[in-house]
Amino acid sequence: MGDVLSTHLDDARRQHITEKTGTILTEFLRFYEDQYGVALFNSMRHEIEGTGAPQAQLLWRKVPLDERIIFSGNLFQYQEDNKKWRNRFSLVPHNYGLVLYENKVAYERQVPPRAVINSAGYKILTSVDQYLELVGNSLPGTTSKSGSAPILKCPTQFPLILWHPSARHYYFCMMTEAEQDKWHAVLQDCIRHCNNGIPENSKVEGPAFTDAIRMYRQSKELYGTWEMLCGNEVQILSNLVMEELGPELKAELAPRLKGKPQERQRQWIQISDAVYRMVYEQAKARFEAVLSKLQLARPAMEAAIRTDMDQIITSKEHLASKIRAFILPKAEVCVRNHVQPYIPSILEALMVPTSQGFTEVRDVFFKEVTDMNLNVINEGGADKLGEYMEKLSQLASHPLKMQSCYEKMEPLRLDGLQQRFDVSSTAVFKQRAQIHMREQMDNAVYTFETLLHQELGKGPTKEELCKSIQRILERVLKKYDYDSSSVRKRFFREALLQITIPFLLKKLAPTCKSVSPPPRPSLLRPPEHSPLRGPRAQGGPDHPPALSLPTPPPQELPRFQELIFEDFARFILVENTYEEVVLQTVMKDILQAVKEAAVQRKHNLYRDSMVMHNSDPNLHLLAEGAPIDWGEEYGGSGGDSGSPSVPEAAPLSEKRRRAKQVVSVVQDEEAGLPFEAGSEPLSPASPDSVTELRGLLARDLRAESPPPAGPLLNGAPSQESPQPVAAPEASSPPASPLRQPPPGKAADLEPPKPSDQETGEQVSSPGGRPPIHTTTEDSAGVQTEF
């Protein structure tokens, strides 16, 4: 297949791709530099003026639960170079990068992994037919004839395929339906986590980047939601380039591909992946250079903002008043005729599945705590508490237990409304709601942990402990009800804005040339610093307008730039001010609709007038302490059941080694606990057609180390690797003890993180990666790069 790249991606075409990419990046980065100054000003203004959101009742985990393994097991991966299926030991660490090892022994010996897959932008498919349909749509004119060999043959009935519109595809196969369901839930969690790649605590770089993406696309007359806005900044920027470059290359290269339809499809997938990697490397270098330049200039910009804050605010208010006078009559008519009648229908469609999902989160949390309480009563009181609390602390990261909550969002439909408002997909709303569910679950668990840890300091008896757990559970549920109500109402406002604002901007575009959508494209919302979130700007009579020019005629919105002093031009943009005015025209209708919905008891929303003031002033002080280590204090996960925790005098290297042992959140043995929620029997074995693969898998696993002495529970022996979750025929024997490294190498056991070198895959290599490459395996199974 290497000849495919050398034939279709020769030096001349590579040079053209580099030049085209450079042109797109240069244009985008101009938008980014403009938006950086605006975002910096908005952030500093919000720090001074903003009152912030209402005080949350639940605590949030300031120190994340790192050093944990979400899932591990064996699966088959299809190797495209030799067209063979090979068994891989795979695990998903806390950073949600799927790590593939040659086998379990290679992992235990700390051999570098074969690949680390960053799943941002991927879609997971559970059937070959779904995959063939997407592949056929990606390269028109290559539909295979009936009876011809498909592009992929799966040896079992349980495939999982990771599909990306531009990058490499990954093909996996499981032995049973139970395995497929578990890996599907885990990989969906990986995709959800990796898609949410721009941290929300980035108050300047994040908003500047997302606003720049939106402004750039609107300059191409592209409005509305964008499904490819997922991953970190470089991944999103690569998607932006491929959005323009991909169709051009497809039109040029598709007619030149040779062979049968399925062979031409394989060739195009490989070419697209190679181009994507080229674009990624170039985008990464350019973006990092511009970001470094802006960060160096930031201190001077902050000084200028602090010096002229009042004048900048006054200038912006004056500009907004002029734009409002120009645009308000047309915008209000558009809202009244085309948006306002449909807001209740959109809101109802969003609220039903979302409220069901948050109710399910509450129910799962209640059941898990109740089951834990029963287990503690029946198994010796506080002696087993550490083990069960260690499990409970990871509840929000348990893909299978959270799956019932996430599934509530799947019925979300905007039929009719979706076409009217040009919403390409509801996936962005589903994913955002699911992220909120996970955050609220973790907040509820952490608040419960903190309160229970405080209660344990009083040395309660078994009966007192049972009553304390129940009392704390009721207390946390009240806080959850209030916080989940606030989160849902905020989510509904954001979703309504994301649906309606692009529609309004597109409608108003013919009379306003410089048009741009509302502030946060990841999920459009009133910015933290906008008049919708905080008090109005300071100024007033003591600060007269900067200039007083006549209102420009229609279709000359850019002339409003004349109202901005040159010194303030880095912090005030006409496009951003214009979109804030458009947002305000529809925001009052959205707020009113959400307020009316809060009165309906079926949605379990608190009314805005029902403000739950912080009744636990000392609770937030508890969260300032060190993170709770249940295994350390109560012997939960430091070894076998009932084994003592690590002594305080143990060497630091020993503690670090123990912290990095593989203890999966998801395990088969959890079903054996007497009151464990969510247990289910394993599915029956797969059909006889996969007998040969079962034998291969068994032979590979027999070569591994002998089983350990004790069972692997969530409070597992600290020196054991997780047992793969699978049916008996396909699963490995219990994990063997990890190879004991020297103290100085204890940290090497940490699974690798998803690489920023590329979006799709990081293949182990001692050196750098060439721009265009492919990989193959020799007879010994060693992966080589070209």
Foldseek 3Di string as FASTA:
>chain_A
DVVLCCVLVPPVNVVVLLVLLVVLLVVLVVLLLLLLQQLLLLVVLCVVFFPDDADFQFDFAPDDQFLAWAAWFKWWWADPVVRDIAIWTWTQGPQLWIFTANYPVCLLVLPHTQWTFQQAQKDKDFAVVVVQVVLCVLAPPLDADPPDDALDDALFNTKIKIDHSQAAIIIIGFFAPLQSVQVVLSNVVSHLSQQPADDPVPSRSQLSLQQSLQLSVVLVVDFFADSQSGGDSLSSSLVVSCVPVVVVSSVVCLVVQDDHSSVSSVSRNQNSNLSSLLSSQSSVVVVVVSVVVVVVCVVVSVVLCVVCVQQLQLLLVVLLVLLCVVCVVVLLVCCVPQPLVCLLVLLVLLLQLLLVLLVLLLVLLVLLLVLLLVLCLVPPHLLQNLQSLLLLLCQLSNSQSSVVSLVSLVVRDDPPLCVSLVHPDCVLLSSVSSVVSSSLSNSLSQLLVLQLVVVCVVVDDSVVSSVSSVVSSVVSSVSSLQNSLVVVLQSSLQQSQSRVQSSSQSVCCVFEVSEGAARRSSGHDQDCSDVVRGPRRDDPPNRDQPDDDDRDGTHPQVVSVVSDDPSSSSNDDSRHSSNSSSCVSCSVSSVVSSQVVQVDPVSSHHHPVPRDHNPCPCSVVSSVDDDDNSCQPNVNQQAPRSDHHDDPPDDPLVVLLLSNAHAHSDALCQLVRPSRPPHDDADDTTDPSCVVVLVVQAVSQVPADDADDDDRDNSHGSQFHGWHDGPPSRTHHGGDGRDDDPSVCSVSSHRDHDDSSRNTIDGDDPDDDDSGWDWDADPVRDIDID
